[in-house]
């Protein structure tokens, strides 16, 4: 691995640390208040944008994955299953962050 790869991996480690803290605090806030779900949604969107940008060779597949995960969260939220939407958002974000790591390592 070259120095650019190491820099990307270090950036990813910092990003995951920050996002894990943000998602955890948003999860606790969402359990108390329905407004907290929108913080989870914003953090999901930022992770999704990074995932799509880092997987440009398979951009259509990454867009399908991102939209499918978003639909799961939004449909469950709109149907009134708030706790399921919150927990699924948390799990989906962790899956998306793992896919982001795979896209970074594969692309470099």
PDB file of N, CA and C in Angstrom:
ATOM      1  N   UNK A   1       0.842  -1.181   0.000  1.00  0.00           N
ATOM      2  CA  UNK A   1       0.000   0.000   0.000  1.00  0.00           C
ATOM      3  C   UNK A   1       0.882   1.236   0.000  1.00  0.00           C
ATOM      4  N   UNK A   2       0.424   2.211  -0.718  1.00  0.00           N
ATOM      5  CA  UNK A   2       1.180   3.449  -0.776  1.00  0.00           C
ATOM      6  C   UNK A   2       0.674   4.432   0.277  1.00  0.00           C
ATOM      7  N   UNK A   3       1.255   5.607   0.281  1.00  0.00           N
ATOM      8  CA  UNK A   3       0.916   6.584   1.324  1.00  0.00           C
ATOM      9  C   UNK A   3      -0.501   7.128   1.162  1.00  0.00           C
ATOM     10  N   UNK A   4      -1.012   7.190  -0.086  1.00  0.00           N
ATOM     11  CA  UNK A   4      -2.382   7.645  -0.289  1.00  0.00           C
ATOM     12  C   UNK A   4      -3.385   6.669   0.324  1.00  0.00           C
ATOM     13  N   UNK A   5      -3.087   5.399   0.211  1.00  0.00           N
ATOM     14  CA  UNK A   5      -3.963   4.383   0.791  1.00  0.00           C
ATOM     15  C   UNK A   5      -3.972   4.500   2.305  1.00  0.00           C
ATOM     16  N   UNK A   6      -2.802   4.694   2.895  1.00  0.00           N
ATOM     17  CA  UNK A   6      -2.734   4.846   4.340  1.00  0.00           C
ATOM     18  C   UNK A   6      -3.501   6.090   4.796  1.00  0.00           C
ATOM     19  N   UNK A   7      -3.406   7.144   4.022  1.00  0.00           N
ATOM     20  CA  UNK A   7      -4.125   8.368   4.362  1.00  0.00           C
ATOM     21  C   UNK A   7      -5.635   8.159   4.282  1.00  0.00           C
ATOM     22  N   UNK A   8      -6.095   7.435   3.263  1.00  0.00           N
ATOM     23  CA  UNK A   8      -7.526   7.145   3.148  1.00  0.00           C
ATOM     24  C   UNK A   8      -8.010   6.267   4.295  1.00  0.00           C
ATOM     25  N   UNK A   9      -7.209   5.295   4.674  1.00  0.00           N
ATOM     26  CA  UNK A   9      -7.592   4.418   5.777  1.00  0.00           C
ATOM     27  C   UNK A   9      -7.624   5.199   7.091  1.00  0.00           C
ATOM     28  N   UNK A  10      -6.676   6.091   7.306  1.00  0.00           N
ATOM     29  CA  UNK A  10      -6.694   6.934   8.499  1.00  0.00           C
ATOM     30  C   UNK A  10      -7.907   7.864   8.500  1.00  0.00           C
ATOM     31  N   UNK A  11      -8.234   8.421   7.333  1.00  0.00           N
ATOM     32  CA  UNK A  11      -9.430   9.243   7.220  1.00  0.00           C
ATOM     33  C   UNK A  11     -10.674   8.421   7.540  1.00  0.00           C
ATOM     34  N   UNK A  12     -10.710   7.189   7.034  1.00  0.00           N
ATOM     35  CA  UNK A  12     -11.853   6.316   7.298  1.00  0.00           C
ATOM     36  C   UNK A  12     -11.973   6.019   8.791  1.00  0.00           C
ATOM     37  N   UNK A  13     -10.863   5.759   9.471  1.00  0.00           N
ATOM     38  CA  UNK A  13     -10.895   5.473  10.909  1.00  0.00           C
ATOM     39  C   UNK A  13     -11.414   6.687  11.679  1.00  0.00           C
ATOM     40  N   UNK A  14     -10.947   7.874  11.314  1.00  0.00           N
ATOM     41  CA  UNK A  14     -11.453   9.089  11.951  1.00  0.00           C
ATOM     42  C   UNK A  14     -12.942   9.277  11.661  1.00  0.00           C
ATOM     43  N   UNK A  15     -13.343   9.035  10.424  1.00  0.00           N
ATOM     44  CA  UNK A  15     -14.746   9.197  10.035  1.00  0.00           C
ATOM     45  C   UNK A  15     -15.630   8.219  10.807  1.00  0.00           C
ATOM     46  N   UNK A  16     -15.213   6.985  10.909  1.00  0.00           N
ATOM     47  CA  UNK A  16     -16.002   5.969  11.620  1.00  0.00           C
ATOM     48  C   UNK A  16     -16.103   6.321  13.097  1.00  0.00           C
ATOM     49  N   UNK A  17     -15.028   6.796  13.679  1.00  0.00           N
ATOM     50  CA  UNK A  17     -15.068   7.182  15.090  1.00  0.00           C
ATOM     51  C   UNK A  17     -16.059   8.322  15.311  1.00  0.00           C
ATOM     52  N   UNK A  18     -15.983   9.333  14.468  1.00  0.00           N
ATOM     53  CA  UNK A  18     -16.895  10.472  14.612  1.00  0.00           C
ATOM     54  C   UNK A  18     -18.335  10.071  14.345  1.00  0.00           C
ATOM     55  N   UNK A  19     -18.553   9.277  13.307  1.00  0.00           N
ATOM     56  CA  UNK A  19     -19.922   8.874  12.974  1.00  0.00           C
ATOM     57  C   UNK A  19     -20.506   7.937  14.015  1.00  0.00           C
ATOM     58  N   UNK A  20     -19.693   7.090  14.608  1.00  0.00           N
ATOM     59  CA  UNK A  20     -20.198   6.199  15.648  1.00  0.00           C
ATOM     60  C   UNK A  20     -20.668   6.998  16.853  1.00  0.00           C
ATOM     61  N   UNK A  21     -19.898   8.002  17.228  1.00  0.00           N
ATOM     62  CA  UNK A  21     -20.331   8.868  18.329  1.00  0.00           C
ATOM     63  C   UNK A  21     -21.598   9.631  17.979  1.00  0.00           C
ATOM     64  N   UNK A  22     -21.652  10.190  16.778  1.00  0.00           N
ATOM     65  CA  UNK A  22     -22.822  10.944  16.345  1.00  0.00           C
ATOM     66  C   UNK A  22     -24.061  10.058  16.254  1.00  0.00           C
ATOM     67  N   UNK A  23     -23.905   8.877  15.699  1.00  0.00           N
ATOM     68  CA  UNK A  23     -25.044   7.965  15.559  1.00  0.00           C
ATOM     69  C   UNK A  23     -25.522   7.484  16.922  1.00  0.00           C
ATOM     70  N   UNK A  24     -24.604   7.224  17.832  1.00  0.00           N
ATOM     71  CA  UNK A  24     -24.983   6.786  19.171  1.00  0.00           C
ATOM     72  C   UNK A  24     -25.753   7.875  19.909  1.00  0.00           C
ATOM     73  N   UNK A  25     -25.255   9.095  19.842  1.00  0.00           N
ATOM     74  CA  UNK A  25     -25.972  10.197  20.501  1.00  0.00           C
ATOM     75  C   UNK A  25     -27.327  10.447  19.833  1.00  0.00           C
ATOM     76  N   UNK A  26     -27.382  10.343  18.513  1.00  0.00           N
ATOM     77  CA  UNK A  26     -28.651  10.528  17.807  1.00  0.00           C
ATOM     78  C   UNK A  26     -29.631   9.415  18.132  1.00  0.00           C
ATOM     79  N   UNK A  27     -29.122   8.207  18.293  1.00  0.00           N
ATOM     80  CA  UNK A  27     -29.972   7.066  18.658  1.00  0.00           C
ATOM     81  C   UNK A  27     -30.601   7.282  20.032  1.00  0.00           C
ATOM     82  N   UNK A  28     -29.791   7.698  20.994  1.00  0.00           N
ATOM     83  CA  UNK A  28     -30.331   7.955  22.335  1.00  0.00           C
ATOM     84  C   UNK A  28     -31.334   9.100  22.314  1.00  0.00           C
ATOM     85  N   UNK A  29     -31.053  10.124  21.528  1.00  0.00           N
ATOM     86  CA  UNK A  29     -31.970  11.256  21.432  1.00  0.00           C
ATOM     87  C   UNK A  29     -33.256  10.859  20.702  1.00  0.00           C
ATOM     88  N   UNK A  30     -33.140   9.984  19.702  1.00  0.00           N
ATOM     89  CA  UNK A  30     -34.310   9.556  18.936  1.00  0.00           C
ATOM     90  C   UNK A  30     -35.246   8.690  19.769  1.00  0.00           C
ATOM     91  N   UNK A  31     -34.694   7.960  20.725  1.00  0.00           N
ATOM     92  CA  UNK A  31     -35.561   7.163  21.589  1.00  0.00           C
ATOM     93  C   UNK A  31     -36.403   8.045  22.505  1.00  0.00           C
ATOM     94  N   UNK A  32     -35.914   9.233  22.816  1.00  0.00           N
ATOM     95  CA  UNK A  32     -36.640  10.149  23.687  1.00  0.00           C
ATOM     96  C   UNK A  32     -37.538  11.103  22.904  1.00  0.00           C
ATOM     97  N   UNK A  33     -37.150  11.433  21.674  1.00  0.00           N
ATOM     98  CA  UNK A  33     -37.828  12.464  20.912  1.00  0.00           C
ATOM     99  C   UNK A  33     -37.849  12.043  19.440  1.00  0.00           C
ATOM    100  N   UNK A  34     -38.959  12.237  18.765  1.00  0.00           N
ATOM    101  CA  UNK A  34     -39.059  11.847  17.357  1.00  0.00           C
ATOM    102  C   UNK A  34     -38.178  12.697  16.453  1.00  0.00           C
ATOM    103  N   UNK A  35     -37.791  13.869  16.907  1.00  0.00           N
ATOM    104  CA  UNK A  35     -36.913  14.731  16.113  1.00  0.00           C
ATOM    105  C   UNK A  35     -35.525  14.120  15.944  1.00  0.00           C
ATOM    106  N   UNK A  36     -35.123  13.272  16.871  1.00  0.00           N
ATOM    107  CA  UNK A  36     -33.815  12.638  16.796  1.00  0.00           C
ATOM    108  C   UNK A  36     -33.660  11.740  15.590  1.00  0.00           C
ATOM    109  N   UNK A  37     -34.777  11.252  15.048  1.00  0.00           N
ATOM    110  CA  UNK A  37     -34.704  10.411  13.849  1.00  0.00           C
ATOM    111  C   UNK A  37     -34.121  11.188  12.676  1.00  0.00           C
ATOM    112  N   UNK A  38     -34.409  12.471  12.610  1.00  0.00           N
ATOM    113  CA  UNK A  38     -33.884  13.273  11.506  1.00  0.00           C
ATOM    114  C   UNK A  38     -32.372  13.464  11.610  1.00  0.00           C
ATOM    115  N   UNK A  39     -31.822  13.466  12.815  1.00  0.00           N
ATOM    116  CA  UNK A  39     -30.368  13.491  12.967  1.00  0.00           C
ATOM    117  C   UNK A  39     -29.762  12.185  12.454  1.00  0.00           C
ATOM    118  N   UNK A  40     -30.461  11.073  12.726  1.00  0.00           N
ATOM    119  CA  UNK A  40     -30.005   9.795  12.179  1.00  0.00           C
ATOM    120  C   UNK A  40     -30.081   9.801  10.660  1.00  0.00           C
ATOM    121  N   UNK A  41     -31.117  10.414  10.127  1.00  0.00           N
ATOM    122  CA  UNK A  41     -31.280  10.486   8.684  1.00  0.00           C
ATOM    123  C   UNK A  41     -30.188  11.346   8.044  1.00  0.00           C
ATOM    124  N   UNK A  42     -29.824  12.441   8.674  1.00  0.00           N
ATOM    125  CA  UNK A  42     -28.758  13.303   8.153  1.00  0.00           C
ATOM    126  C   UNK A  42     -27.416  12.569   8.174  1.00  0.00           C
ATOM    127  N   UNK A  43     -27.135  11.845   9.243  1.00  0.00           N
ATOM    128  CA  UNK A  43     -25.878  11.094   9.287  1.00  0.00           C
ATOM    129  C   UNK A  43     -25.888   9.959   8.260  1.00  0.00           C
ATOM    130  N   UNK A  44     -27.067   9.378   8.007  1.00  0.00           N
ATOM    131  CA  UNK A  44     -27.168   8.345   6.972  1.00  0.00           C
ATOM    132  C   UNK A  44     -26.875   8.944   5.596  1.00  0.00           C
ATOM    133  N   UNK A  45     -27.415  10.121   5.337  1.00  0.00           N
ATOM    134  CA  UNK A  45     -27.210  10.759   4.038  1.00  0.00           C
ATOM    135  C   UNK A  45     -25.732  11.087   3.821  1.00  0.00           C
ATOM    136  N   UNK A  46     -25.054  11.551   4.859  1.00  0.00           N
ATOM    137  CA  UNK A  46     -23.626  11.854   4.689  1.00  0.00           C
ATOM    138  C   UNK A  46     -22.814  10.587   4.433  1.00  0.00           C
ATOM    139  N   UNK A  47     -23.133   9.511   5.110  1.00  0.00           N
ATOM    140  CA  UNK A  47     -22.438   8.254   4.860  1.00  0.00           C
ATOM    141  C   UNK A  47     -22.768   7.728   3.472  1.00  0.00           C
ATOM    142  N   UNK A  48     -24.013   7.882   3.050  1.00  0.00           N
ATOM    143  CA  UNK A  48     -24.415   7.417   1.718  1.00  0.00           C
ATOM    144  C   UNK A  48     -23.706   8.191   0.619  1.00  0.00           C
ATOM    145  N   UNK A  49     -23.540   9.488   0.808  1.00  0.00           N
ATOM    146  CA  UNK A  49     -22.840  10.300  -0.198  1.00  0.00           C
ATOM    147  C   UNK A  49     -21.388   9.847  -0.317  1.00  0.00           C
ATOM    148  N   UNK A  50     -20.719   9.624   0.823  1.00  0.00           N
ATOM    149  CA  UNK A  50     -19.339   9.132   0.767  1.00  0.00           C
ATOM    150  C   UNK A  50     -19.275   7.765   0.097  1.00  0.00           C
ATOM    151  N   UNK A  51     -20.231   6.911   0.377  1.00  0.00           N
ATOM    152  CA  UNK A  51     -20.241   5.576  -0.226  1.00  0.00           C
ATOM    153  C   UNK A  51     -20.389   5.662  -1.738  1.00  0.00           C
ATOM    154  N   UNK A  52     -21.292   6.496  -2.206  1.00  0.00           N
ATOM    155  CA  UNK A  52     -21.495   6.632  -3.655  1.00  0.00           C
ATOM    156  C   UNK A  52     -20.268   7.267  -4.306  1.00  0.00           C
ATOM    157  N   UNK A  53     -19.658   8.259  -3.655  1.00  0.00           N
ATOM    158  CA  UNK A  53     -18.486   8.913  -4.236  1.00  0.00           C
ATOM    159  C   UNK A  53     -17.272   7.986  -4.317  1.00  0.00           C
ATOM    160  N   UNK A  54     -17.101   7.134  -3.313  1.00  0.00           N
ATOM    161  CA  UNK A  54     -15.937   6.248  -3.324  1.00  0.00           C
ATOM    162  C   UNK A  54     -16.140   5.012  -4.179  1.00  0.00           C
ATOM    163  N   UNK A  55     -17.349   4.732  -4.583  1.00  0.00           N
ATOM    164  CA  UNK A  55     -17.581   3.564  -5.434  1.00  0.00           C
ATOM    165  C   UNK A  55     -18.080   4.015  -6.802  1.00  0.00           C
ATOM    166  N   UNK A  56     -17.307   4.866  -7.443  1.00  0.00           N
ATOM    167  CA  UNK A  56     -17.712   5.407  -8.736  1.00  0.00           C
ATOM    168  C   UNK A  56     -17.767   4.360  -9.835  1.00  0.00           C
ATOM    169  N   UNK A  57     -16.961   3.319  -9.741  1.00  0.00           N
ATOM    170  CA  UNK A  57     -16.983   2.299 -10.787  1.00  0.00           C
ATOM    171  C   UNK A  57     -18.296   1.513 -10.771  1.00  0.00           C
ATOM    172  N   UNK A  58     -18.897   1.377  -9.621  1.00  0.00           N
ATOM    173  CA  UNK A  58     -20.184   0.696  -9.486  1.00  0.00           C
ATOM    174  C   UNK A  58     -21.222   1.661  -8.937  1.00  0.00           C
ATOM    175  N   UNK A  59     -21.313   2.818  -9.547  1.00  0.00           N
ATOM    176  CA  UNK A  59     -22.182   3.864  -8.996  1.00  0.00           C
ATOM    177  C   UNK A  59     -23.658   3.480  -9.026  1.00  0.00           C
ATOM    178  N   UNK A  60     -24.094   2.777 -10.056  1.00  0.00           N
ATOM    179  CA  UNK A  60     -25.503   2.393 -10.135  1.00  0.00           C
ATOM    180  C   UNK A  60     -25.859   1.398  -9.030  1.00  0.00           C
ATOM    181  N   UNK A  61     -24.995   0.442  -8.789  1.00  0.00           N
ATOM    182  CA  UNK A  61     -25.237  -0.530  -7.724  1.00  0.00           C
ATOM    183  C   UNK A  61     -25.224   0.144  -6.364  1.00  0.00           C
ATOM    184  N   UNK A  62     -24.292   1.048  -6.147  1.00  0.00           N
ATOM    185  CA  UNK A  62     -24.245   1.740  -4.860  1.00  0.00           C
ATOM    186  C   UNK A  62     -25.461   2.634  -4.659  1.00  0.00           C
ATOM    187  N   UNK A  63     -25.954   3.274  -5.713  1.00  0.00           N
ATOM    188  CA  UNK A  63     -27.174   4.071  -5.608  1.00  0.00           C
ATOM    189  C   UNK A  63     -28.387   3.208  -5.286  1.00  0.00           C
ATOM    190  N   UNK A  64     -28.464   2.039  -5.894  1.00  0.00           N
ATOM    191  CA  UNK A  64     -29.576   1.124  -5.604  1.00  0.00           C
ATOM    192  C   UNK A  64     -29.535   0.687  -4.144  1.00  0.00           C
ATOM    193  N   UNK A  65     -28.349   0.366  -3.639  1.00  0.00           N
ATOM    194  CA  UNK A  65     -28.213  -0.044  -2.240  1.00  0.00           C
ATOM    195  C   UNK A  65     -28.618   1.093  -1.310  1.00  0.00           C
ATOM    196  N   UNK A  66     -28.151   2.301  -1.591  1.00  0.00           N
ATOM    197  CA  UNK A  66     -28.453   3.453  -0.743  1.00  0.00           C
ATOM    198  C   UNK A  66     -29.952   3.756  -0.732  1.00  0.00           C
ATOM    199  N   UNK A  67     -30.564   3.749  -1.897  1.00  0.00           N
ATOM    200  CA  UNK A  67     -32.003   4.040  -1.980  1.00  0.00           C
ATOM    201  C   UNK A  67     -32.812   2.942  -1.320  1.00  0.00           C
ATOM    202  N   UNK A  68     -32.440   1.699  -1.496  1.00  0.00           N
ATOM    203  CA  UNK A  68     -33.149   0.583  -0.873  1.00  0.00           C
ATOM    204  C   UNK A  68     -33.087   0.679   0.655  1.00  0.00           C
ATOM    205  N   UNK A  69     -31.920   0.943   1.190  1.00  0.00           N
ATOM    206  CA  UNK A  69     -31.797   1.104   2.638  1.00  0.00           C
ATOM    207  C   UNK A  69     -32.612   2.296   3.141  1.00  0.00           C
ATOM    208  N   UNK A  70     -32.574   3.394   2.388  1.00  0.00           N
ATOM    209  CA  UNK A  70     -33.350   4.570   2.781  1.00  0.00           C
ATOM    210  C   UNK A  70     -34.840   4.276   2.777  1.00  0.00           C
ATOM    211  N   UNK A  71     -35.310   3.505   1.789  1.00  0.00           N
ATOM    212  CA  UNK A  71     -36.728   3.153   1.725  1.00  0.00           C
ATOM    213  C   UNK A  71     -37.155   2.312   2.923  1.00  0.00           C
ATOM    214  N   UNK A  72     -36.299   1.412   3.354  1.00  0.00           N
ATOM    215  CA  UNK A  72     -36.618   0.604   4.537  1.00  0.00           C
ATOM    216  C   UNK A  72     -36.839   1.496   5.743  1.00  0.00           C
ATOM    217  N   UNK A  73     -35.937   2.446   5.932  1.00  0.00           N
ATOM    218  CA  UNK A  73     -36.060   3.344   7.089  1.00  0.00           C
ATOM    219  C   UNK A  73     -37.290   4.238   6.966  1.00  0.00           C
ATOM    220  N   UNK A  74     -37.499   4.846   5.811  1.00  0.00           N
ATOM    221  CA  UNK A  74     -38.582   5.803   5.653  1.00  0.00           C
ATOM    222  C   UNK A  74     -39.963   5.158   5.682  1.00  0.00           C
ATOM    223  N   UNK A  75     -40.103   4.003   5.057  1.00  0.00           N
ATOM    224  CA  UNK A  75     -41.410   3.336   5.064  1.00  0.00           C
ATOM    225  C   UNK A  75     -41.782   2.919   6.473  1.00  0.00           C
ATOM    226  N   UNK A  76     -40.832   2.386   7.203  1.00  0.00           N
ATOM    227  CA  UNK A  76     -41.148   1.991   8.579  1.00  0.00           C
ATOM    228  C   UNK A  76     -41.445   3.216   9.444  1.00  0.00           C
ATOM    229  N   UNK A  77     -40.764   4.319   9.215  1.00  0.00           N
ATOM    230  CA  UNK A  77     -41.040   5.549   9.966  1.00  0.00           C
ATOM    231  C   UNK A  77     -42.418   6.105   9.616  1.00  0.00           C
ATOM    232  N   UNK A  78     -42.748   6.106   8.325  1.00  0.00           N
ATOM    233  CA  UNK A  78     -44.035   6.635   7.899  1.00  0.00           C
ATOM    234  C   UNK A  78     -45.208   5.755   8.319  1.00  0.00           C
ATOM    235  N   UNK A  79     -44.965   4.485   8.522  1.00  0.00           N
ATOM    236  CA  UNK A  79     -46.019   3.587   8.990  1.00  0.00           C
ATOM    237  C   UNK A  79     -46.218   3.653  10.503  1.00  0.00           C
ATOM    238  N   UNK A  80     -45.419   4.460  11.170  1.00  0.00           N
ATOM    239  CA  UNK A  80     -45.575   4.635  12.603  1.00  0.00           C
ATOM    240  C   UNK A  80     -44.737   3.696  13.454  1.00  0.00           C
ATOM    241  N   UNK A  81     -43.881   2.936  12.842  1.00  0.00           N
ATOM    242  CA  UNK A  81     -43.004   2.022  13.580  1.00  0.00           C
ATOM    243  C   UNK A  81     -41.691   2.752  13.865  1.00  0.00           C
ATOM    244  N   UNK A  82     -41.761   3.686  14.826  1.00  0.00           N
ATOM    245  CA  UNK A  82     -40.633   4.579  15.093  1.00  0.00           C
ATOM    246  C   UNK A  82     -39.433   3.842  15.646  1.00  0.00           C
ATOM    247  N   UNK A  83     -39.668   2.967  16.613  1.00  0.00           N
ATOM    248  CA  UNK A  83     -38.524   2.265  17.209  1.00  0.00           C
ATOM    249  C   UNK A  83     -37.867   1.325  16.208  1.00  0.00           C
ATOM    250  N   UNK A  84     -38.671   0.680  15.370  1.00  0.00           N
ATOM    251  CA  UNK A  84     -38.090  -0.163  14.332  1.00  0.00           C
ATOM    252  C   UNK A  84     -37.283   0.677  13.347  1.00  0.00           C
ATOM    253  N   UNK A  85     -37.796   1.861  12.992  1.00  0.00           N
ATOM    254  CA  UNK A  85     -37.079   2.748  12.070  1.00  0.00           C
ATOM    255  C   UNK A  85     -35.770   3.217  12.681  1.00  0.00           C
ATOM    256  N   UNK A  86     -35.768   3.497  13.970  1.00  0.00           N
ATOM    257  CA  UNK A  86     -34.553   3.963  14.641  1.00  0.00           C
ATOM    258  C   UNK A  86     -33.505   2.859  14.690  1.00  0.00           C
ATOM    259  N   UNK A  87     -33.930   1.662  15.079  1.00  0.00           N
ATOM    260  CA  UNK A  87     -32.984   0.543  15.173  1.00  0.00           C
ATOM    261  C   UNK A  87     -32.501   0.131  13.789  1.00  0.00           C
ATOM    262  N   UNK A  88     -33.408   0.094  12.813  1.00  0.00           N
ATOM    263  CA  UNK A  88     -32.981  -0.263  11.459  1.00  0.00           C
ATOM    264  C   UNK A  88     -32.035   0.792  10.897  1.00  0.00           C
ATOM    265  N   UNK A  89     -32.259   2.054  11.237  1.00  0.00           N
ATOM    266  CA  UNK A  89     -31.350   3.106  10.798  1.00  0.00           C
ATOM    267  C   UNK A  89     -29.953   2.889  11.359  1.00  0.00           C
ATOM    268  N   UNK A  90     -29.889   2.515  12.610  1.00  0.00           N
ATOM    269  CA  UNK A  90     -28.596   2.263  13.248  1.00  0.00           C
ATOM    270  C   UNK A  90     -27.874   1.090  12.583  1.00  0.00           C
ATOM    271  N   UNK A  91     -28.595   0.013  12.360  1.00  0.00           N
ATOM    272  CA  UNK A  91     -27.996  -1.182  11.745  1.00  0.00           C
ATOM    273  C   UNK A  91     -27.600  -0.904  10.301  1.00  0.00           C
ATOM    274  N   UNK A  92     -28.465  -0.220   9.568  1.00  0.00           N
ATOM    275  CA  UNK A  92     -28.181   0.083   8.165  1.00  0.00           C
ATOM    276  C   UNK A  92     -26.967   0.997   8.041  1.00  0.00           C
ATOM    277  N   UNK A  93     -26.823   1.941   8.946  1.00  0.00           N
ATOM    278  CA  UNK A  93     -25.653   2.814   8.884  1.00  0.00           C
ATOM    279  C   UNK A  93     -24.366   2.051   9.141  1.00  0.00           C
ATOM    280  N   UNK A  94     -24.411   1.101  10.056  1.00  0.00           N
ATOM    281  CA  UNK A  94     -23.209   0.287  10.299  1.00  0.00           C
ATOM    282  C   UNK A  94     -22.875  -0.566   9.072  1.00  0.00           C
ATOM    283  N   UNK A  95     -23.889  -1.101   8.417  1.00  0.00           N
ATOM    284  CA  UNK A  95     -23.659  -1.868   7.187  1.00  0.00           C
ATOM    285  C   UNK A  95     -23.085  -0.971   6.105  1.00  0.00           C
ATOM    286  N   UNK A  96     -23.642   0.218   5.984  1.00  0.00           N
ATOM    287  CA  UNK A  96     -23.173   1.148   4.964  1.00  0.00           C
ATOM    288  C   UNK A  96     -21.740   1.598   5.233  1.00  0.00           C
ATOM    289  N   UNK A  97     -21.373   1.776   6.494  1.00  0.00           N
ATOM    290  CA  UNK A  97     -19.991   2.156   6.812  1.00  0.00           C
ATOM    291  C   UNK A  97     -19.031   1.008   6.499  1.00  0.00           C
ATOM    292  N   UNK A  98     -19.469  -0.228   6.676  1.00  0.00           N
ATOM    293  CA  UNK A  98     -18.633  -1.363   6.297  1.00  0.00           C
ATOM    294  C   UNK A  98     -18.464  -1.429   4.785  1.00  0.00           C
ATOM    295  N   UNK A  99     -19.541  -1.168   4.052  1.00  0.00           N
ATOM    296  CA  UNK A  99     -19.446  -1.141   2.598  1.00  0.00           C
ATOM    297  C   UNK A  99     -18.561   0.009   2.121  1.00  0.00           C
ATOM    298  N   UNK A 100     -18.594   1.109   2.839  1.00  0.00           N
ATOM    299  CA  UNK A 100     -17.728   2.237   2.516  1.00  0.00           C
ATOM    300  C   UNK A 100     -16.257   1.838   2.649  1.00  0.00           C
ATOM    301  N   UNK A 101     -15.917   1.123   3.712  1.00  0.00           N
ATOM    302  CA  UNK A 101     -14.543   0.657   3.876  1.00  0.00           C
ATOM    303  C   UNK A 101     -14.148  -0.262   2.722  1.00  0.00           C
ATOM    304  N   UNK A 102     -15.046  -1.147   2.351  1.00  0.00           N
ATOM    305  CA  UNK A 102     -14.770  -2.053   1.230  1.00  0.00           C
ATOM    306  C   UNK A 102     -14.555  -1.261  -0.055  1.00  0.00           C
ATOM    307  N   UNK A 103     -15.366  -0.233  -0.287  1.00  0.00           N
ATOM    308  CA  UNK A 103     -15.217   0.574  -1.495  1.00  0.00           C
ATOM    309  C   UNK A 103     -13.899   1.342  -1.487  1.00  0.00           C
ATOM    310  N   UNK A 104     -13.480   1.842  -0.316  1.00  0.00           N
ATOM    311  CA  UNK A 104     -12.201   2.561  -0.232  1.00  0.00           C
ATOM    312  C   UNK A 104     -11.036   1.632  -0.507  1.00  0.00           C
ATOM    313  N   UNK A 105     -11.039   0.475   0.111  1.00  0.00           N
ATOM    314  CA  UNK A 105      -9.906  -0.449  -0.050  1.00  0.00           C
ATOM    315  C   UNK A 105      -9.867  -1.020  -1.464  1.00  0.00           C
ATOM    316  N   UNK A 106     -11.018  -1.305  -2.020  1.00  0.00           N
ATOM    317  CA  UNK A 106     -11.060  -1.870  -3.366  1.00  0.00           C
ATOM    318  C   UNK A 106     -10.655  -0.861  -4.436  1.00  0.00           C
ATOM    319  N   UNK A 107     -11.024   0.394  -4.229  1.00  0.00           N
ATOM    320  CA  UNK A 107     -10.742   1.411  -5.245  1.00  0.00           C
ATOM    321  C   UNK A 107      -9.273   1.806  -5.274  1.00  0.00           C
ATOM    322  N   UNK A 108      -8.577   1.657  -4.172  1.00  0.00           N
ATOM    323  CA  UNK A 108      -7.189   2.120  -4.117  1.00  0.00           C
ATOM    324  C   UNK A 108      -6.227   1.008  -4.348  1.00  0.00           C
TER     325      UNK A 108
END
